[in-house]
């Protein structure tokens, strides 16, 4: 359980959690519509590899 000192901090945390959930589910839905079905960890790994390659070229 997460404890915050103020009600405002709790509300912000809740909002950010819901926003993150919505973004992740939107991405999954769009990928599924294109018949791209991967595990979330596989997508994160691929993005990290691509990002590292981009930084190495500069």
N, C-alpha and C. Protein backbone atom coordinates (compact mmCIF):
# COMPACT_ATOMS: atom_id res chain seq x y z
N UNK A 1 0.83 -1.16 0.00
CA UNK A 1 0.00 0.00 0.00
C UNK A 1 0.89 1.24 0.00
N UNK A 2 0.46 2.27 -0.71
CA UNK A 2 1.20 3.51 -0.81
C UNK A 2 0.58 4.54 0.13
N UNK A 3 1.44 5.18 0.91
CA UNK A 3 0.98 6.21 1.82
C UNK A 3 1.54 7.57 1.38
N UNK A 4 0.71 8.59 1.38
CA UNK A 4 1.13 9.93 1.01
C UNK A 4 0.82 10.88 2.16
N UNK A 5 1.61 11.94 2.22
CA UNK A 5 1.41 12.92 3.28
C UNK A 5 0.18 13.77 3.08
N UNK A 6 -0.20 13.98 1.83
CA UNK A 6 -1.34 14.85 1.57
C UNK A 6 -2.36 14.14 0.68
N UNK A 7 -3.57 14.63 0.73
CA UNK A 7 -4.62 14.08 -0.13
C UNK A 7 -4.30 14.37 -1.59
N UNK A 8 -3.72 15.54 -1.85
CA UNK A 8 -3.38 15.92 -3.22
C UNK A 8 -2.38 14.92 -3.81
N UNK A 9 -1.38 14.52 -3.04
CA UNK A 9 -0.39 13.55 -3.52
C UNK A 9 -1.06 12.22 -3.83
N UNK A 10 -2.02 11.82 -3.03
CA UNK A 10 -2.75 10.57 -3.27
C UNK A 10 -3.54 10.65 -4.56
N UNK A 11 -4.18 11.80 -4.79
CA UNK A 11 -4.98 11.97 -6.00
C UNK A 11 -4.08 11.96 -7.24
N UNK A 12 -2.94 12.62 -7.15
CA UNK A 12 -1.99 12.63 -8.27
C UNK A 12 -1.51 11.22 -8.57
N UNK A 13 -1.19 10.47 -7.53
CA UNK A 13 -0.74 9.10 -7.72
C UNK A 13 -1.82 8.26 -8.38
N UNK A 14 -3.04 8.41 -7.96
CA UNK A 14 -4.15 7.67 -8.55
C UNK A 14 -4.33 8.05 -10.01
N UNK A 15 -4.28 9.34 -10.30
CA UNK A 15 -4.44 9.81 -11.67
C UNK A 15 -3.34 9.24 -12.57
N UNK A 16 -2.08 9.30 -12.13
CA UNK A 16 -0.97 8.80 -12.93
C UNK A 16 -1.07 7.29 -13.14
N UNK A 17 -1.53 6.58 -12.13
CA UNK A 17 -1.71 5.13 -12.26
C UNK A 17 -2.77 4.81 -13.30
N UNK A 18 -3.88 5.54 -13.26
CA UNK A 18 -4.96 5.30 -14.24
C UNK A 18 -4.51 5.68 -15.64
N UNK A 19 -3.75 6.77 -15.77
CA UNK A 19 -3.25 7.19 -17.06
C UNK A 19 -2.30 6.15 -17.65
N UNK A 20 -1.41 5.63 -16.82
CA UNK A 20 -0.48 4.60 -17.26
C UNK A 20 -1.24 3.35 -17.71
N UNK A 21 -2.22 2.93 -16.93
CA UNK A 21 -3.04 1.77 -17.29
C UNK A 21 -3.71 1.98 -18.64
N UNK A 22 -4.27 3.17 -18.85
CA UNK A 22 -4.96 3.48 -20.10
C UNK A 22 -3.99 3.44 -21.28
N UNK A 23 -2.80 4.01 -21.13
CA UNK A 23 -1.81 4.03 -22.20
C UNK A 23 -1.38 2.61 -22.57
N UNK A 24 -1.05 1.82 -21.57
CA UNK A 24 -0.61 0.44 -21.82
C UNK A 24 -1.70 -0.35 -22.52
N UNK A 25 -2.93 -0.24 -22.06
CA UNK A 25 -4.01 -0.99 -22.70
C UNK A 25 -4.32 -0.50 -24.11
N UNK A 26 -4.16 0.80 -24.35
CA UNK A 26 -4.34 1.33 -25.70
C UNK A 26 -3.29 0.77 -26.64
N UNK A 27 -2.05 0.74 -26.20
CA UNK A 27 -0.97 0.18 -27.02
C UNK A 27 -1.24 -1.29 -27.30
N UNK A 28 -1.59 -2.05 -26.28
CA UNK A 28 -1.88 -3.49 -26.48
C UNK A 28 -3.03 -3.70 -27.46
N UNK A 29 -4.07 -2.89 -27.34
CA UNK A 29 -5.23 -3.02 -28.23
C UNK A 29 -4.83 -2.72 -29.68
N UNK A 30 -4.07 -1.66 -29.88
CA UNK A 30 -3.64 -1.30 -31.24
C UNK A 30 -2.74 -2.37 -31.84
N UNK A 31 -1.85 -2.93 -31.03
CA UNK A 31 -0.98 -4.00 -31.52
C UNK A 31 -1.80 -5.25 -31.87
N UNK A 32 -2.77 -5.57 -31.04
CA UNK A 32 -3.60 -6.75 -31.29
C UNK A 32 -4.39 -6.59 -32.58
N UNK A 33 -4.86 -5.38 -32.88
CA UNK A 33 -5.59 -5.14 -34.12
C UNK A 33 -4.71 -5.39 -35.34
N UNK A 34 -3.41 -5.23 -35.19
CA UNK A 34 -2.47 -5.46 -36.29
C UNK A 34 -1.84 -6.85 -36.22
N UNK A 35 -2.44 -7.73 -35.41
CA UNK A 35 -1.96 -9.09 -35.20
C UNK A 35 -0.52 -9.14 -34.69
N UNK A 36 -0.16 -8.15 -33.90
CA UNK A 36 1.15 -8.14 -33.25
C UNK A 36 0.90 -8.47 -31.79
N UNK A 37 1.24 -9.69 -31.42
CA UNK A 37 1.00 -10.13 -30.05
C UNK A 37 2.34 -10.52 -29.43
N UNK A 38 2.82 -9.68 -28.54
CA UNK A 38 4.07 -9.91 -27.84
C UNK A 38 3.83 -9.74 -26.34
N UNK A 39 4.75 -10.26 -25.59
CA UNK A 39 4.73 -10.02 -24.16
C UNK A 39 5.25 -8.62 -23.91
N UNK A 40 4.73 -7.96 -22.89
CA UNK A 40 5.13 -6.59 -22.59
C UNK A 40 6.64 -6.50 -22.36
N UNK A 41 7.21 -7.49 -21.66
CA UNK A 41 8.65 -7.44 -21.38
C UNK A 41 9.47 -7.55 -22.66
N UNK A 42 8.96 -8.28 -23.66
CA UNK A 42 9.66 -8.40 -24.94
C UNK A 42 9.67 -7.06 -25.68
N UNK A 43 8.55 -6.33 -25.61
CA UNK A 43 8.49 -5.03 -26.26
C UNK A 43 9.42 -4.04 -25.58
N UNK A 44 9.48 -4.06 -24.26
CA UNK A 44 10.36 -3.16 -23.51
C UNK A 44 11.82 -3.46 -23.87
N UNK A 45 12.18 -4.74 -23.91
CA UNK A 45 13.54 -5.14 -24.27
C UNK A 45 13.90 -4.65 -25.66
N UNK A 46 12.99 -4.81 -26.61
CA UNK A 46 13.24 -4.37 -27.99
C UNK A 46 13.42 -2.86 -28.05
N UNK A 47 12.55 -2.12 -27.34
CA UNK A 47 12.67 -0.66 -27.35
C UNK A 47 13.99 -0.21 -26.73
N UNK A 48 14.42 -0.90 -25.67
CA UNK A 48 15.67 -0.53 -25.01
C UNK A 48 16.86 -0.78 -25.95
N UNK A 49 16.83 -1.91 -26.68
CA UNK A 49 17.91 -2.21 -27.62
C UNK A 49 17.95 -1.18 -28.73
N UNK A 50 16.77 -0.81 -29.27
CA UNK A 50 16.72 0.20 -30.32
C UNK A 50 17.20 1.55 -29.81
N UNK A 51 16.82 1.89 -28.59
CA UNK A 51 17.23 3.17 -28.01
C UNK A 51 18.73 3.20 -27.79
N UNK A 52 19.31 2.10 -27.32
CA UNK A 52 20.75 2.05 -27.10
C UNK A 52 21.50 2.17 -28.42
N UNK A 53 21.00 1.57 -29.46
CA UNK A 53 21.61 1.67 -30.78
C UNK A 53 21.58 3.09 -31.30
N UNK A 54 20.48 3.80 -31.03
CA UNK A 54 20.35 5.19 -31.46
C UNK A 54 21.37 6.07 -30.77
N UNK A 55 21.57 5.84 -29.48
CA UNK A 55 22.53 6.66 -28.73
C UNK A 55 23.97 6.37 -29.16
N UNK A 56 24.26 5.13 -29.55
CA UNK A 56 25.62 4.77 -29.95
C UNK A 56 26.00 5.40 -31.28
N UNK A 57 25.02 5.74 -32.13
CA UNK A 57 25.31 6.32 -33.43
C UNK A 57 25.67 7.79 -33.34
N UNK A 58 25.32 8.44 -32.26
CA UNK A 58 25.55 9.89 -32.15
C UNK A 58 26.95 10.19 -31.72
